Amino acid sequence: MEITAEEMKKSIEKIYERLDEVSPVDFDCGKLCGEVCCKDLEGEGELALYLLPGEELMYEESDEFELYYIDSSEIKYPHSWKGQIYLVKCVNPPRCDRSIRPIQCRTFPLIPHITKNGEFHLIFDETEFPYECPIVRDHIKLNHDFLKVTYEIWMKLITNPLVYDLIDMDSRMRDNRKTNYEIVV
């Protein structure tokens, strides 16, 4: 049975609500870096985030985020992803509507990783960005409830074969680059 757009949007809304209940640290981490991950960085191009399947439905009527897409054949994405890959960028960073910020923002600085043995973990996102996250750099201890909920949400998300394929592809790319990563959960 295929899920309707309305059902998908309600599912994403529940994920957003669940992640709103937790925070990586007990203070506004944006104060550490001046909200650098939410700003347009001069000379670095525009910062945009890829959305997970169905997440684009959250941005269709937003005035604060620009929703656009690229064709899946234009980027390195799993073969299971066909057609449009949606991206979103804040129109007036860092003054975006936090109530609809993407899942990637809500779970940062953690990202999902699947080992070659199929084990699921959360790791610090040490992707090269045009900025540095003090939480990652200084290994600031994350709140237990944030770790628990983020793990729970990503475990739910990877039940979607498209999300699983994306996480698996990203994980293999990290392994192939011999990237050292710290397993957090």
Protein backbone atom coordinates (compact mmCIF):
# COMPACT_ATOMS: atom_id res chain seq x y z
CA MET A 1 0.00 0.00 0.00
CA GLU A 2 1.41 3.35 -1.05
CA ILE A 3 1.61 6.16 1.48
CA THR A 4 -0.19 9.38 0.58
CA ALA A 5 1.47 12.81 0.62
CA GLU A 6 -0.73 13.77 3.59
CA GLU A 7 0.36 10.67 5.55
CA MET A 8 4.00 11.33 4.67
CA LYS A 9 3.75 14.94 5.83
CA LYS A 10 2.17 13.87 9.14
CA SER A 11 4.98 11.35 9.63
CA ILE A 12 7.64 14.03 9.04
CA GLU A 13 5.79 16.43 11.38
CA LYS A 14 5.91 13.77 14.13
CA ILE A 15 9.65 13.33 13.58
CA TYR A 16 10.13 17.10 13.80
CA GLU A 17 8.07 17.26 17.00
CA ARG A 18 10.03 14.40 18.58
CA LEU A 19 13.36 16.03 17.73
CA ASP A 20 12.09 19.38 19.07
CA GLU A 21 11.88 17.75 22.51
CA VAL A 22 15.66 17.37 22.73
CA SER A 23 18.80 19.44 22.22
CA PRO A 24 22.42 18.40 21.71
CA VAL A 25 23.55 20.49 24.70
CA ASP A 26 21.93 22.40 27.56
CA PHE A 27 22.64 25.78 25.98
CA ASP A 28 22.24 27.43 22.59
CA CYS A 29 25.14 25.88 20.70
CA GLY A 30 24.83 28.67 18.13
CA LYS A 31 26.40 30.96 20.73
CA LEU A 32 29.65 28.95 20.46
CA CYS A 33 30.12 29.62 16.78
CA GLY A 34 27.89 32.59 16.01
CA GLU A 35 25.32 30.37 14.26
CA VAL A 36 27.85 29.67 11.54
CA CYS A 37 26.00 26.62 10.18
CA CYS A 38 22.93 28.79 9.55
CA LYS A 39 24.66 31.60 7.69
CA ASP A 40 25.51 32.23 4.10
CA LEU A 41 29.29 32.25 4.07
CA GLU A 42 30.74 34.79 1.68
CA GLY A 43 32.81 33.23 -1.06
CA GLU A 44 31.71 29.72 -0.12
CA GLY A 45 28.53 29.61 -2.17
CA GLU A 46 25.07 29.06 -0.85
CA LEU A 47 24.46 26.53 1.86
CA ALA A 48 21.64 24.17 1.00
CA LEU A 49 20.55 20.89 2.53
CA TYR A 50 19.37 17.79 0.76
CA LEU A 51 16.03 16.64 2.08
CA LEU A 52 14.96 13.11 2.87
CA PRO A 53 12.08 11.58 0.91
CA GLY A 54 8.83 13.36 1.74
CA GLU A 55 10.51 16.13 3.70
CA GLU A 56 9.95 18.54 0.81
CA LEU A 57 6.26 18.58 1.79
CA MET A 58 7.17 20.64 4.85
CA TYR A 59 8.47 23.51 2.69
CA GLU A 60 5.84 23.86 -0.02
CA GLU A 61 4.20 26.89 1.60
CA SER A 62 7.19 28.35 3.43
CA ASP A 63 8.24 31.94 2.80
CA GLU A 64 11.45 31.48 4.80
CA PHE A 65 12.92 28.54 2.90
CA GLU A 66 13.46 28.14 -0.80
CA LEU A 67 12.63 24.65 -2.01
CA TYR A 68 14.16 23.45 -5.26
CA TYR A 69 15.34 20.23 -6.82
CA ILE A 70 17.98 18.74 -9.01
CA ASP A 71 17.72 15.61 -11.11
CA SER A 72 19.12 12.52 -9.41
CA SER A 73 21.28 11.82 -12.47
CA GLU A 74 23.18 15.09 -11.88
CA ILE A 75 24.72 14.05 -8.55
CA LYS A 76 26.21 10.98 -6.91
CA TYR A 77 23.19 9.40 -5.26
CA PRO A 78 22.12 5.79 -4.93
CA HIS A 79 20.61 4.25 -8.07
CA SER A 80 17.37 3.67 -6.17
CA TRP A 81 16.82 7.45 -6.06
CA LYS A 82 15.06 8.36 -9.29
CA GLY A 83 13.84 11.72 -10.49
CA GLN A 84 13.99 14.76 -8.27
CA ILE A 85 16.26 15.26 -5.26
CA TYR A 86 14.90 18.11 -3.16
CA LEU A 87 17.04 20.73 -1.48
CA VAL A 88 16.16 23.60 0.78
CA LYS A 89 17.96 26.76 1.74
CA CYS A 90 17.09 29.49 4.18
CA VAL A 91 16.07 32.73 2.50
CA ASN A 92 17.27 34.97 5.35
CA PRO A 93 19.92 33.08 7.34
CA PRO A 94 20.15 32.73 10.28
CA ARG A 95 16.60 34.01 10.82
CA CYS A 96 14.86 30.90 9.52
CA ASP A 97 11.75 29.28 10.90
CA ARG A 98 13.31 26.76 13.28
CA SER A 99 10.01 24.89 13.54
CA ILE A 100 10.55 23.47 10.04
CA ARG A 101 14.32 23.15 9.90
CA PRO A 102 15.37 19.93 8.14
CA ILE A 103 16.07 16.64 9.88
CA GLN A 104 19.78 17.08 9.11
CA CYS A 105 19.79 20.31 11.12
CA ARG A 106 17.84 18.76 13.98
CA THR A 107 20.22 15.83 14.39
CA PHE A 108 23.48 17.71 13.77
CA PRO A 109 26.30 17.21 14.77
CA LEU A 110 25.44 13.53 14.41
CA ILE A 111 24.98 11.57 11.21
CA PRO A 112 23.96 7.95 10.67
CA HIS A 113 26.54 5.37 9.66
CA ILE A 114 26.11 1.72 8.68
CA THR A 115 29.19 -0.46 9.07
CA LYS A 116 30.22 -3.02 6.45
CA ASN A 117 28.72 -5.60 8.81
CA GLY A 118 25.35 -3.82 8.71
CA GLU A 119 25.56 -2.35 12.21
CA PHE A 120 23.93 1.04 12.66
CA HIS A 121 25.67 3.83 14.59
CA LEU A 122 25.58 7.57 14.99
CA ILE A 123 28.88 9.34 14.43
CA PHE A 124 30.05 12.93 14.62
CA ASP A 125 29.62 14.67 11.29
CA GLU A 126 33.18 15.49 10.34
CA THR A 127 32.37 16.33 6.74
CA GLU A 128 34.44 19.17 5.37
CA PHE A 129 32.34 22.28 5.76
CA PRO A 130 33.29 25.89 5.15
CA TYR A 131 33.00 26.27 8.93
CA GLU A 132 33.98 24.38 12.06
CA CYS A 133 31.52 23.08 14.64
CA PRO A 134 32.89 23.59 18.17
CA ILE A 135 30.86 20.63 19.45
CA VAL A 136 32.65 18.31 17.04
CA ARG A 137 36.05 20.01 17.31
CA ASP A 138 36.06 20.05 21.12
CA HIS A 139 34.18 16.78 21.60
CA ILE A 140 31.60 18.47 23.79
CA LYS A 141 29.49 15.89 25.55
CA LEU A 142 26.02 15.57 24.05
CA ASN A 143 22.85 15.21 26.11
CA HIS A 144 21.79 11.62 26.67
CA ASP A 145 18.18 12.30 25.64
CA PHE A 146 19.40 13.89 22.38
CA LEU A 147 21.51 10.80 21.63
CA LYS A 148 18.62 8.47 22.43
CA VAL A 149 15.99 10.30 20.38
CA THR A 150 18.33 10.93 17.44
CA TYR A 151 19.21 7.22 17.34
CA GLU A 152 15.53 6.28 17.57
CA ILE A 153 14.60 8.66 14.73
CA TRP A 154 17.37 7.52 12.39
CA MET A 155 16.51 3.88 13.10
CA LYS A 156 12.97 4.68 12.00
CA LEU A 157 14.14 6.64 8.95
CA ILE A 158 16.38 3.84 7.63
CA THR A 159 13.37 1.54 7.39
CA ASN A 160 12.69 3.54 4.22
CA PRO A 161 14.78 1.74 1.55
CA LEU A 162 15.73 5.05 -0.10
CA VAL A 163 17.07 6.48 3.16
CA TYR A 164 18.88 3.22 3.91
CA ASP A 165 20.50 3.25 0.46
CA LEU A 166 21.64 6.85 0.94
CA ILE A 167 23.10 6.19 4.41
CA ASP A 168 24.77 3.02 3.19
CA MET A 169 26.29 4.85 0.19
CA ASP A 170 27.57 7.67 2.42
CA SER A 171 28.99 5.12 4.85
CA ARG A 172 30.84 3.24 2.11
CA MET A 173 32.26 6.52 0.81
CA ARG A 174 33.60 7.30 4.31
CA ASP A 175 35.06 3.80 4.53
CA ASN A 176 36.66 4.12 1.07
CA ARG A 177 38.23 7.46 2.02
CA LYS A 178 39.56 5.74 5.13
CA THR A 179 37.88 8.46 7.14
CA ASN A 180 38.34 7.98 10.84
CA TYR A 181 35.10 8.53 12.61
CA GLU A 182 34.10 8.41 16.20
CA ILE A 183 31.13 6.21 17.01
CA VAL A 184 28.94 8.15 19.40
CA VAL A 185 26.02 5.72 19.69
